Amino acid sequence: MLIWTVSFLTLALLAGALGFSGYTSTTPKVTATTASGMARMLFLVFLFAAVVTLVLGFFRGW
């Protein structure tokens, strides 16, 4: 369970860094606002998943 928590937290931090840093996409079909919006959404999803797995890990016992 701890491995899942660390994995989700790492993905959340990566998505947050890309979403909130103003990183622009080099892909011509994807605009920068769409890419940053998707990264922000993934940040919230992975952060929520990390918190849920952390709480479940405490209740179930690592």
N, C-alpha and C. Protein backbone atom coordinates (compact mmCIF):
# COMPACT_ATOMS: atom_id res chain seq x y z
N MET A 1 0.83 -1.19 0.00
CA MET A 1 0.00 0.00 0.00
C MET A 1 0.88 1.26 0.00
N LEU A 2 1.99 1.20 0.69
CA LEU A 2 2.88 2.36 0.74
C LEU A 2 3.48 2.65 -0.63
N ILE A 3 3.74 1.62 -1.41
CA ILE A 3 4.29 1.82 -2.76
C ILE A 3 3.28 2.55 -3.63
N TRP A 4 1.99 2.20 -3.52
CA TRP A 4 0.96 2.89 -4.29
C TRP A 4 0.87 4.36 -3.87
N THR A 5 0.97 4.61 -2.58
CA THR A 5 0.90 5.99 -2.09
C THR A 5 2.04 6.82 -2.65
N VAL A 6 3.23 6.28 -2.60
CA VAL A 6 4.40 7.01 -3.11
C VAL A 6 4.28 7.21 -4.62
N SER A 7 3.77 6.21 -5.33
CA SER A 7 3.60 6.33 -6.78
C SER A 7 2.60 7.43 -7.13
N PHE A 8 1.45 7.42 -6.47
CA PHE A 8 0.45 8.45 -6.73
C PHE A 8 0.95 9.84 -6.34
N LEU A 9 1.67 9.93 -5.24
CA LEU A 9 2.20 11.23 -4.82
C LEU A 9 3.23 11.75 -5.82
N THR A 10 4.08 10.87 -6.34
CA THR A 10 5.06 11.27 -7.33
C THR A 10 4.39 11.76 -8.61
N LEU A 11 3.38 11.03 -9.07
CA LEU A 11 2.65 11.46 -10.26
C LEU A 11 1.92 12.78 -10.02
N ALA A 12 1.38 12.96 -8.83
CA ALA A 12 0.69 14.22 -8.52
C ALA A 12 1.65 15.38 -8.53
N LEU A 13 2.83 15.20 -7.96
CA LEU A 13 3.81 16.28 -7.95
C LEU A 13 4.30 16.61 -9.35
N LEU A 14 4.49 15.60 -10.18
CA LEU A 14 4.91 15.83 -11.56
C LEU A 14 3.83 16.56 -12.34
N ALA A 15 2.59 16.11 -12.22
CA ALA A 15 1.49 16.78 -12.93
C ALA A 15 1.29 18.20 -12.41
N GLY A 16 1.45 18.40 -11.11
CA GLY A 16 1.33 19.74 -10.55
C GLY A 16 2.42 20.67 -11.04
N ALA A 17 3.63 20.14 -11.13
CA ALA A 17 4.75 20.96 -11.62
C ALA A 17 4.52 21.37 -13.07
N LEU A 18 4.01 20.47 -13.88
CA LEU A 18 3.75 20.80 -15.28
C LEU A 18 2.52 21.68 -15.44
N GLY A 19 1.53 21.50 -14.59
CA GLY A 19 0.29 22.25 -14.73
C GLY A 19 0.36 23.67 -14.22
N PHE A 20 1.12 23.88 -13.16
CA PHE A 20 1.14 25.20 -12.54
C PHE A 20 2.39 26.01 -12.87
N SER A 21 3.32 25.44 -13.65
CA SER A 21 4.57 26.15 -13.94
C SER A 21 4.51 26.97 -15.21
N GLY A 22 3.46 26.82 -16.00
CA GLY A 22 3.37 27.56 -17.24
C GLY A 22 4.09 26.87 -18.38
N TYR A 23 4.35 25.58 -18.25
CA TYR A 23 4.99 24.80 -19.30
C TYR A 23 4.10 24.81 -20.54
N THR A 24 4.68 25.06 -21.71
CA THR A 24 3.90 25.09 -22.94
C THR A 24 4.15 23.81 -23.73
N SER A 25 3.12 23.34 -24.37
CA SER A 25 3.20 22.12 -25.16
C SER A 25 3.81 22.43 -26.51
N THR A 26 4.63 21.51 -27.03
CA THR A 26 5.22 21.69 -28.36
C THR A 26 4.40 20.98 -29.43
N THR A 27 3.37 20.25 -29.02
CA THR A 27 2.50 19.58 -29.97
C THR A 27 1.57 20.60 -30.61
N PRO A 28 1.52 20.66 -31.94
CA PRO A 28 0.70 21.70 -32.57
C PRO A 28 -0.80 21.55 -32.36
N LYS A 29 -1.31 20.34 -32.17
CA LYS A 29 -2.75 20.15 -32.03
C LYS A 29 -3.25 20.38 -30.60
N VAL A 30 -2.34 20.43 -29.64
CA VAL A 30 -2.74 20.63 -28.24
C VAL A 30 -2.26 22.01 -27.81
N THR A 31 -3.20 22.83 -27.42
CA THR A 31 -2.82 24.17 -26.97
C THR A 31 -2.25 24.10 -25.57
N ALA A 32 -1.53 25.13 -25.19
CA ALA A 32 -0.90 25.17 -23.88
C ALA A 32 -1.94 25.19 -22.77
N THR A 33 -3.05 25.85 -22.99
CA THR A 33 -4.07 25.91 -21.94
C THR A 33 -4.71 24.56 -21.73
N THR A 34 -4.91 23.80 -22.79
CA THR A 34 -5.48 22.47 -22.66
C THR A 34 -4.52 21.55 -21.92
N ALA A 35 -3.25 21.60 -22.28
CA ALA A 35 -2.25 20.74 -21.64
C ALA A 35 -2.11 21.08 -20.16
N SER A 36 -2.09 22.35 -19.84
CA SER A 36 -1.94 22.73 -18.44
C SER A 36 -3.21 22.41 -17.66
N GLY A 37 -4.37 22.53 -18.29
CA GLY A 37 -5.62 22.16 -17.62
C GLY A 37 -5.68 20.67 -17.33
N MET A 38 -5.23 19.86 -18.29
CA MET A 38 -5.20 18.42 -18.08
C MET A 38 -4.20 18.06 -16.98
N ALA A 39 -3.06 18.73 -16.94
CA ALA A 39 -2.07 18.46 -15.90
C ALA A 39 -2.60 18.84 -14.53
N ARG A 40 -3.33 19.94 -14.45
CA ARG A 40 -3.93 20.34 -13.18
C ARG A 40 -4.99 19.35 -12.72
N MET A 41 -5.79 18.84 -13.66
CA MET A 41 -6.79 17.85 -13.33
C MET A 41 -6.13 16.56 -12.84
N LEU A 42 -5.09 16.12 -13.53
CA LEU A 42 -4.37 14.92 -13.12
C LEU A 42 -3.71 15.11 -11.76
N PHE A 43 -3.24 16.33 -11.48
CA PHE A 43 -2.67 16.62 -10.17
C PHE A 43 -3.69 16.36 -9.07
N LEU A 44 -4.89 16.85 -9.27
CA LEU A 44 -5.93 16.66 -8.26
C LEU A 44 -6.34 15.19 -8.14
N VAL A 45 -6.44 14.49 -9.27
CA VAL A 45 -6.82 13.07 -9.24
C VAL A 45 -5.77 12.25 -8.52
N PHE A 46 -4.50 12.43 -8.86
CA PHE A 46 -3.44 11.65 -8.24
C PHE A 46 -3.22 12.04 -6.78
N LEU A 47 -3.42 13.30 -6.45
CA LEU A 47 -3.30 13.71 -5.05
C LEU A 47 -4.41 13.06 -4.22
N PHE A 48 -5.62 13.04 -4.76
CA PHE A 48 -6.73 12.37 -4.07
C PHE A 48 -6.44 10.88 -3.91
N ALA A 49 -5.93 10.24 -4.97
CA ALA A 49 -5.60 8.81 -4.90
C ALA A 49 -4.51 8.55 -3.87
N ALA A 50 -3.53 9.44 -3.77
CA ALA A 50 -2.46 9.27 -2.78
C ALA A 50 -3.01 9.36 -1.36
N VAL A 51 -3.90 10.31 -1.12
CA VAL A 51 -4.48 10.47 0.21
C VAL A 51 -5.35 9.26 0.56
N VAL A 52 -6.14 8.78 -0.40
CA VAL A 52 -7.01 7.63 -0.15
C VAL A 52 -6.17 6.40 0.17
N THR A 53 -5.13 6.13 -0.61
CA THR A 53 -4.31 4.95 -0.34
C THR A 53 -3.55 5.09 0.98
N LEU A 54 -3.17 6.29 1.33
CA LEU A 54 -2.49 6.50 2.61
C LEU A 54 -3.43 6.21 3.77
N VAL A 55 -4.66 6.70 3.69
CA VAL A 55 -5.65 6.46 4.74
C VAL A 55 -6.00 4.97 4.83
N LEU A 56 -6.21 4.33 3.67
CA LEU A 56 -6.51 2.90 3.68
C LEU A 56 -5.34 2.09 4.23
N GLY A 57 -4.14 2.52 3.95
CA GLY A 57 -2.97 1.84 4.48
C GLY A 57 -2.90 1.92 6.00
N PHE A 58 -3.28 3.06 6.55
CA PHE A 58 -3.28 3.20 8.02
C PHE A 58 -4.34 2.32 8.66
N PHE A 59 -5.51 2.24 8.01
CA PHE A 59 -6.59 1.44 8.59
C PHE A 59 -6.35 -0.06 8.47
N ARG A 60 -5.76 -0.47 7.36
CA ARG A 60 -5.54 -1.90 7.13
C ARG A 60 -4.23 -2.37 7.76
N GLY A 61 -3.34 -1.48 8.03
CA GLY A 61 -2.03 -1.85 8.55
C GLY A 61 -1.11 -2.24 7.40
N TRP A 62 -0.03 -1.56 7.29
CA TRP A 62 0.87 -1.74 6.15
C TRP A 62 1.23 -3.18 6.05
